[in-house]
C-alpha atoms as a PDB file:
ATOM      1  CA  MET A   1       0.000   0.000   0.000  1.00  0.00           C
ATOM      2  CA  PRO A   2       2.792   2.462   0.493  1.00  0.00           C
ATOM      3  CA  ALA A   3       3.161   2.612  -3.315  1.00  0.00           C
ATOM      4  CA  VAL A   4      -0.531   3.521  -3.739  1.00  0.00           C
ATOM      5  CA  GLY A   5      -0.154   6.306  -1.165  1.00  0.00           C
ATOM      6  CA  ALA A   6       2.898   7.738  -2.901  1.00  0.00           C
ATOM      7  CA  LEU A   7       1.041   7.640  -6.248  1.00  0.00           C
ATOM      8  CA  MET A   8      -1.922   9.571  -4.768  1.00  0.00           C
ATOM      9  CA  VAL A   9       0.392  12.290  -3.452  1.00  0.00           C
ATOM     10  CA  ALA A  10       2.076  12.600  -6.856  1.00  0.00           C
ATOM     11  CA  VAL A  11      -1.301  12.870  -8.651  1.00  0.00           C
ATOM     12  CA  ALA A  12      -2.475  15.538  -6.192  1.00  0.00           C
ATOM     13  CA  LEU A  13       0.659  17.620  -6.738  1.00  0.00           C
ATOM     14  CA  THR A  14       0.434  17.249 -10.524  1.00  0.00           C
ATOM     15  CA  ALA A  15      -3.242  18.251 -10.584  1.00  0.00           C
ATOM     16  CA  GLY A  16      -2.349  21.583  -9.010  1.00  0.00           C
ATOM     17  CA  CYS A  17      -3.837  21.089  -5.609  1.00  0.00           C
ATOM     18  CA  GLY A  18      -2.375  23.740  -3.411  1.00  0.00           C
ATOM     19  CA  SER A  19      -0.060  25.127  -6.131  1.00  0.00           C
ATOM     20  CA  ASP A  20       0.131  28.801  -6.984  1.00  0.00           C
ATOM     21  CA  ASP A  21      -0.146  28.296 -10.812  1.00  0.00           C
ATOM     22  CA  ALA A  22      -3.490  30.166 -10.858  1.00  0.00           C
ATOM     23  CA  ASP A  23      -1.652  33.476 -10.338  1.00  0.00           C
ATOM     24  CA  ARG A  24       0.597  32.969 -13.365  1.00  0.00           C
ATOM     25  CA  PRO A  25      -0.591  33.390 -16.984  1.00  0.00           C
ATOM     26  CA  ASP A  26      -0.473  30.290 -19.107  1.00  0.00           C
ATOM     27  CA  ALA A  27       1.994  29.941 -21.986  1.00  0.00           C
ATOM     28  CA  SER A  28      -0.597  30.503 -24.757  1.00  0.00           C
ATOM     29  CA  SER A  29      -1.655  33.898 -23.403  1.00  0.00           C
ATOM     30  CA  VAL A  30       1.958  34.990 -22.961  1.00  0.00           C
ATOM     31  CA  SER A  31       2.869  34.068 -26.559  1.00  0.00           C
ATOM     32  CA  ALA A  32      -0.265  35.773 -27.999  1.00  0.00           C
ATOM     33  CA  SER A  33       0.472  38.883 -25.963  1.00  0.00           C
ATOM     34  CA  ALA A  34       4.069  38.994 -27.114  1.00  0.00           C
ATOM     35  CA  ALA A  35       3.148  38.475 -30.782  1.00  0.00           C
ATOM     36  CA  THR A  36       0.477  41.198 -31.047  1.00  0.00           C
ATOM     37  CA  GLY A  37       1.619  43.684 -28.454  1.00  0.00           C
ATOM     38  CA  LEU A  38      -1.908  43.615 -27.042  1.00  0.00           C
ATOM     39  CA  PRO A  39      -2.962  42.148 -23.719  1.00  0.00           C
ATOM     40  CA  ALA A  40      -4.196  38.632 -24.102  1.00  0.00           C
ATOM     41  CA  ALA A  41      -7.777  37.760 -23.350  1.00  0.00           C
ATOM     42  CA  PRO A  42      -8.099  35.572 -20.281  1.00  0.00           C
ATOM     43  CA  MET A  43      -8.317  31.908 -21.089  1.00  0.00           C
ATOM     44  CA  PRO A  44     -11.285  30.169 -19.519  1.00  0.00           C
ATOM     45  CA  SER A  45     -10.426  27.301 -17.299  1.00  0.00           C
ATOM     46  CA  VAL A  46     -11.937  23.977 -18.144  1.00  0.00           C
ATOM     47  CA  VAL A  47     -13.101  22.059 -15.130  1.00  0.00           C
ATOM     48  CA  ALA A  48     -13.471  18.358 -15.470  1.00  0.00           C
ATOM     49  CA  PRO A  49     -16.995  17.252 -14.639  1.00  0.00           C
ATOM     50  CA  SER A  50     -17.483  15.420 -11.434  1.00  0.00           C
ATOM     51  CA  ALA A  51     -18.673  11.860 -11.444  1.00  0.00           C
ATOM     52  CA  GLY A  52     -22.387  12.760 -11.091  1.00  0.00           C
ATOM     53  CA  SER A  53     -22.626  15.668 -13.604  1.00  0.00           C
ATOM     54  CA  ALA A  54     -22.855  15.736 -17.381  1.00  0.00           C
ATOM     55  CA  ALA A  55     -20.054  17.117 -19.557  1.00  0.00           C
ATOM     56  CA  PRO A  56     -20.619  20.662 -20.883  1.00  0.00           C
ATOM     57  CA  SER A  57     -21.986  20.703 -24.448  1.00  0.00           C
ATOM     58  CA  SER A  58     -19.566  23.277 -25.797  1.00  0.00           C
ATOM     59  CA  ALA A  59     -16.668  25.298 -24.496  1.00  0.00           C
ATOM     60  CA  PRO A  60     -16.612  29.042 -25.180  1.00  0.00           C
ATOM     61  CA  SER A  61     -14.148  30.258 -27.810  1.00  0.00           C
ATOM     62  CA  ALA A  62     -11.222  32.091 -26.321  1.00  0.00           C
ATOM     63  CA  ARG A  63      -9.752  34.015 -29.311  1.00  0.00           C
ATOM     64  CA  PRO A  64      -8.243  37.433 -28.711  1.00  0.00           C
ATOM     65  CA  VAL A  65     -10.174  40.292 -30.350  1.00  0.00           C
ATOM     66  CA  LEU A  66      -7.929  42.320 -32.644  1.00  0.00           C
ATOM     67  CA  PRO A  67      -8.711  45.939 -33.591  1.00  0.00           C
ATOM     68  CA  ALA A  68      -9.975  46.647 -37.123  1.00  0.00           C
ATOM     69  CA  PRO A  69      -7.301  47.679 -39.628  1.00  0.00           C
ATOM     70  CA  PRO A  70      -7.088  51.412 -40.366  1.00  0.00           C
ATOM     71  CA  PRO A  71      -8.890  52.617 -43.518  1.00  0.00           C
ATOM     72  CA  ALA A  72      -6.823  52.702 -46.698  1.00  0.00           C
ATOM     73  CA  ALA A  73      -5.097  56.008 -47.278  1.00  0.00           C
ATOM     74  CA  PRO A  74      -5.942  57.847 -50.529  1.00  0.00           C
ATOM     75  CA  GLN A  75      -3.485  57.174 -53.331  1.00  0.00           C
ATOM     76  CA  GLY A  76      -2.835  60.834 -54.046  1.00  0.00           C
ATOM     77  CA  PRO A  77      -4.664  64.022 -54.874  1.00  0.00           C
ATOM     78  CA  THR A  78      -7.867  63.537 -56.823  1.00  0.00           C
ATOM     79  CA  GLU A  79      -7.713  65.104 -60.249  1.00  0.00           C
ATOM     80  CA  ARG A  80     -10.768  67.084 -61.222  1.00  0.00           C
ATOM     81  CA  ARG A  81     -11.382  67.103 -64.933  1.00  0.00           C
ATOM     82  CA  SER A  82     -12.910  70.180 -66.313  1.00  0.00           C
ATOM     83  CA  SER A  83     -14.930  70.181 -69.481  1.00  0.00           C
ATOM     84  CA  PRO A  84     -12.927  70.880 -72.613  1.00  0.00           C
ATOM     85  CA  PRO A  85     -12.902  74.437 -73.827  1.00  0.00           C
ATOM     86  CA  PRO A  86     -15.586  75.245 -76.370  1.00  0.00           C
ATOM     87  CA  VAL A  87     -14.625  74.838 -79.992  1.00  0.00           C
ATOM     88  CA  VAL A  88     -14.002  78.179 -81.642  1.00  0.00           C
ATOM     89  CA  LEU A  89     -14.930  78.018 -85.305  1.00  0.00           C
ATOM     90  CA  PRO A  90     -13.466  80.370 -87.903  1.00  0.00           C
ATOM     91  CA  GLN A  91     -15.601  83.353 -88.894  1.00  0.00           C
ATOM     92  CA  ARG A  92     -17.338  83.324 -92.242  1.00  0.00           C
ATOM     93  CA  PRO A  93     -16.102  85.965 -94.626  1.00  0.00           C
ATOM     94  CA  ALA A  94     -17.793  89.340 -94.661  1.00  0.00           C
ATOM     95  CA  GLY A  95     -20.482  89.474 -97.304  1.00  0.00           C
ATOM     96  CA  ALA A  96     -20.961  85.696 -97.449  1.00  0.00           C
ATOM     97  CA  PRO A  97     -24.455  84.495 -96.529  1.00  0.00           C
ATOM     98  CA  GLY A  98     -24.852  82.478 -93.352  1.00  0.00           C
ATOM     99  CA  ALA A  99     -26.050  78.864 -93.472  1.00  0.00           C
ATOM    100  CA  LYS A 100     -29.387  79.788 -91.857  1.00  0.00           C
ATOM    101  CA  GLN A 101     -29.886  82.583 -94.389  1.00  0.00           C
ATOM    102  CA  VAL A 102     -29.357  80.092 -97.237  1.00  0.00           C
ATOM    103  CA  VAL A 103     -31.841  77.594 -95.744  1.00  0.00           C
ATOM    104  CA  ASP A 104     -34.398  80.383 -95.223  1.00  0.00           C
ATOM    105  CA  ALA A 105     -33.984  81.398 -98.887  1.00  0.00           C
ATOM    106  CA  PHE A 106     -34.678  77.805 -99.984  1.00  0.00           C
ATOM    107  CA  VAL A 107     -37.886  77.716 -97.926  1.00  0.00           C
ATOM    108  CA  ALA A 108     -38.976  81.142 -99.276  1.00  0.00           C
ATOM    109  CA  ALA A 109     -38.470  79.838-102.831  1.00  0.00           C
ATOM    110  CA  GLY A 110     -40.748  76.873-102.093  1.00  0.00           C
ATOM    111  CA  LEU A 111     -37.940  74.296-102.007  1.00  0.00           C
ATOM    112  CA  LYS A 112     -37.790  71.453 -99.513  1.00  0.00           C
ATOM    113  CA  ALA A 113     -35.514  72.219 -96.576  1.00  0.00           C
ATOM    114  CA  THR A 114     -37.318  70.449 -93.761  1.00  0.00           C
ATOM    115  CA  HIS A 115     -35.920  69.499 -90.353  1.00  0.00           C
ATOM    116  CA  PRO A 116     -32.965  71.921 -90.327  1.00  0.00           C
ATOM    117  CA  LYS A 117     -30.309  70.994 -87.751  1.00  0.00           C
ATOM    118  CA  ASP A 118     -27.452  73.271 -86.809  1.00  0.00           C
ATOM    119  CA  ARG A 119     -24.447  70.965 -86.816  1.00  0.00           C
ATOM    120  CA  SER A 120     -21.776  73.661 -86.819  1.00  0.00           C
ATOM    121  CA  VAL A 121     -19.992  71.864 -83.972  1.00  0.00           C
ATOM    122  CA  ASP A 122     -19.149  69.149 -86.526  1.00  0.00           C
ATOM    123  CA  CYS A 123     -16.946  71.668 -88.332  1.00  0.00           C
ATOM    124  CA  GLY A 124     -14.423  71.575 -85.475  1.00  0.00           C
ATOM    125  CA  PRO A 125     -11.768  68.999 -84.574  1.00  0.00           C
ATOM    126  CA  ASP A 126     -14.189  66.926 -82.472  1.00  0.00           C
ATOM    127  CA  GLY A 127     -16.556  66.557 -85.430  1.00  0.00           C
ATOM    128  CA  LEU A 128     -15.705  66.139 -89.080  1.00  0.00           C
ATOM    129  CA  GLY A 129     -12.779  68.510 -88.774  1.00  0.00           C
ATOM    130  CA  LEU A 130     -13.550  70.220 -92.077  1.00  0.00           C
ATOM    131  CA  GLY A 131     -12.758  73.700 -90.784  1.00  0.00           C
ATOM    132  CA  CYS A 132     -16.077  75.190 -91.837  1.00  0.00           C
ATOM    133  CA  SER A 133     -17.624  78.172 -90.090  1.00  0.00           C
ATOM    134  CA  GLU A 134     -21.266  77.060 -90.184  1.00  0.00           C
ATOM    135  CA  LEU A 135     -23.131  73.867 -91.046  1.00  0.00           C
ATOM    136  CA  ILE A 136     -26.879  73.284 -91.288  1.00  0.00           C
ATOM    137  CA  ALA A 137     -28.264  69.943 -92.455  1.00  0.00           C
ATOM    138  CA  THR A 138     -31.801  69.584 -93.829  1.00  0.00           C
ATOM    139  CA  ASP A 139     -33.655  66.645 -95.334  1.00  0.00           C
ATOM    140  CA  ALA A 140     -32.944  67.975 -98.843  1.00  0.00           C
ATOM    141  CA  VAL A 141     -29.463  69.492 -98.712  1.00  0.00           C
ATOM    142  CA  THR A 142     -26.602  70.288 -96.330  1.00  0.00           C
ATOM    143  CA  VAL A 143     -25.269  73.859 -96.331  1.00  0.00           C
ATOM    144  CA  TYR A 144     -21.619  74.513 -95.435  1.00  0.00           C
ATOM    145  CA  VAL A 145     -20.129  77.986 -95.053  1.00  0.00           C
ATOM    146  CA  PHE A 146     -16.315  78.161 -95.052  1.00  0.00           C
ATOM    147  CA  PRO A 147     -14.007  80.947 -93.842  1.00  0.00           C
ATOM    148  CA  ASP A 148     -12.712  81.479 -97.384  1.00  0.00           C
ATOM    149  CA  GLU A 149     -13.373  80.491-100.998  1.00  0.00           C
ATOM    150  CA  ILE A 150     -10.221  78.342-101.258  1.00  0.00           C
ATOM    151  CA  SER A 151     -11.364  76.040 -98.436  1.00  0.00           C
ATOM    152  CA  ALA A 152     -14.836  75.883 -99.991  1.00  0.00           C
ATOM    153  CA  SER A 153     -13.484  74.962-103.443  1.00  0.00           C
ATOM    154  CA  ASP A 154     -11.203  72.253-101.938  1.00  0.00           C
ATOM    155  CA  ILE A 155     -14.171  70.565-100.250  1.00  0.00           C
ATOM    156  CA  ALA A 156     -16.404  70.974-103.315  1.00  0.00           C
ATOM    157  CA  ALA A 157     -13.730  69.251-105.395  1.00  0.00           C
ATOM    158  CA  THR A 158     -13.589  66.408-102.862  1.00  0.00           C
ATOM    159  CA  TRP A 159     -17.360  65.966-103.181  1.00  0.00           C
ATOM    160  CA  SER A 160     -17.223  66.314-106.967  1.00  0.00           C
ATOM    161  CA  GLY A 161     -20.570  65.634-108.592  1.00  0.00           C
ATOM    162  CA  GLN A 162     -22.376  65.664-105.254  1.00  0.00           C
ATOM    163  CA  SER A 163     -21.907  69.330-104.365  1.00  0.00           C
ATOM    164  CA  TYR A 164     -22.161  72.902-105.611  1.00  0.00           C
ATOM    165  CA  GLN A 165     -19.938  75.787-104.572  1.00  0.00           C
ATOM    166  CA  ARG A 166     -20.680  79.493-104.781  1.00  0.00           C
ATOM    167  CA  GLY A 167     -18.123  81.697-103.025  1.00  0.00           C
ATOM    168  CA  ALA A 168     -17.586  80.430 -99.446  1.00  0.00           C
ATOM    169  CA  VAL A 169     -20.817  78.381 -99.462  1.00  0.00           C
ATOM    170  CA  VAL A 170     -20.991  74.719-100.473  1.00  0.00           C
ATOM    171  CA  LEU A 171     -24.203  72.743-100.959  1.00  0.00           C
ATOM    172  CA  ASN A 172     -23.709  69.040-100.294  1.00  0.00           C
ATOM    173  CA  TYR A 173     -26.189  66.517-101.654  1.00  0.00           C
ATOM    174  CA  LEU A 174     -24.475  63.357-100.344  1.00  0.00           C
ATOM    175  CA  GLU A 175     -26.417  62.871 -97.092  1.00  0.00           C
ATOM    176  CA  ALA A 176     -29.700  64.315 -98.337  1.00  0.00           C
ATOM    177  CA  LYS A 177     -29.800  62.445-101.655  1.00  0.00           C
ATOM    178  CA  THR A 178     -31.536  65.330-103.399  1.00  0.00           C
ATOM    179  CA  PRO A 179     -32.799  64.233-106.810  1.00  0.00           C
ATOM    180  CA  ALA A 180     -30.500  65.475-109.572  1.00  0.00           C
ATOM    181  CA  ALA A 181     -33.462  67.209-111.280  1.00  0.00           C
ATOM    182  CA  ASP A 182     -34.049  69.427-108.196  1.00  0.00           C
ATOM    183  CA  ARG A 183     -30.420  70.455-107.621  1.00  0.00           C
ATOM    184  CA  PRO A 184     -30.332  73.314-110.189  1.00  0.00           C
ATOM    185  CA  ARG A 185     -33.203  75.040-108.354  1.00  0.00           C
ATOM    186  CA  TYR A 186     -31.237  75.049-105.045  1.00  0.00           C
ATOM    187  CA  GLU A 187     -28.119  76.258-106.842  1.00  0.00           C
ATOM    188  CA  LYS A 188     -30.039  79.099-108.539  1.00  0.00           C
ATOM    189  CA  VAL A 189     -31.414  80.337-105.194  1.00  0.00           C
ATOM    190  CA  LEU A 190     -27.882  80.323-103.717  1.00  0.00           C
ATOM    191  CA  ALA A 191     -26.437  82.127-106.756  1.00  0.00           C
ATOM    192  CA  ASN A 192     -29.077  84.876-106.417  1.00  0.00           C
ATOM    193  CA  LEU A 193     -28.337  85.449-102.709  1.00  0.00           C
ATOM    194  CA  ARG A 194     -25.247  87.538-103.405  1.00  0.00           C
END
């Protein structure tokens, strides 16, 4: 029996009866504290159930709560884009009729010039880039006014057979598909505008 008594004393000492281990942190909390620089959360102690009680169904999780990461810093100053400057078209030559004036003359002469649309912005670099001063498209004909007669004649030559030039004004029949029989009437009205 002396061996059984010595074994019971050894088990009691190993189980922590009467020891002062409760005042010291366990190794897992010390290593977590050292790794994060934050105090470790206390670890719950697990008590073995006594002979007459049931085992607990689940043990609480004992993970340390870390602070949320800081928000991402902006990558640099935000660039504000302004709208592009307005396109400045060249002025039509003095004495040349404006595109609207030409369209109004067609209507006054009883010619078709329905649904006029001012498309002068297409004259600039963001549009067709033709360098015209004014542009009005109708269902029957498109009227271009150029800053000079040389530019007008260059474009009229490009549209050979589908256009008519008088001074700085060019009538274009490409988009409108004006019947060839009606074209001389438009051209006569333009020629008489001067």
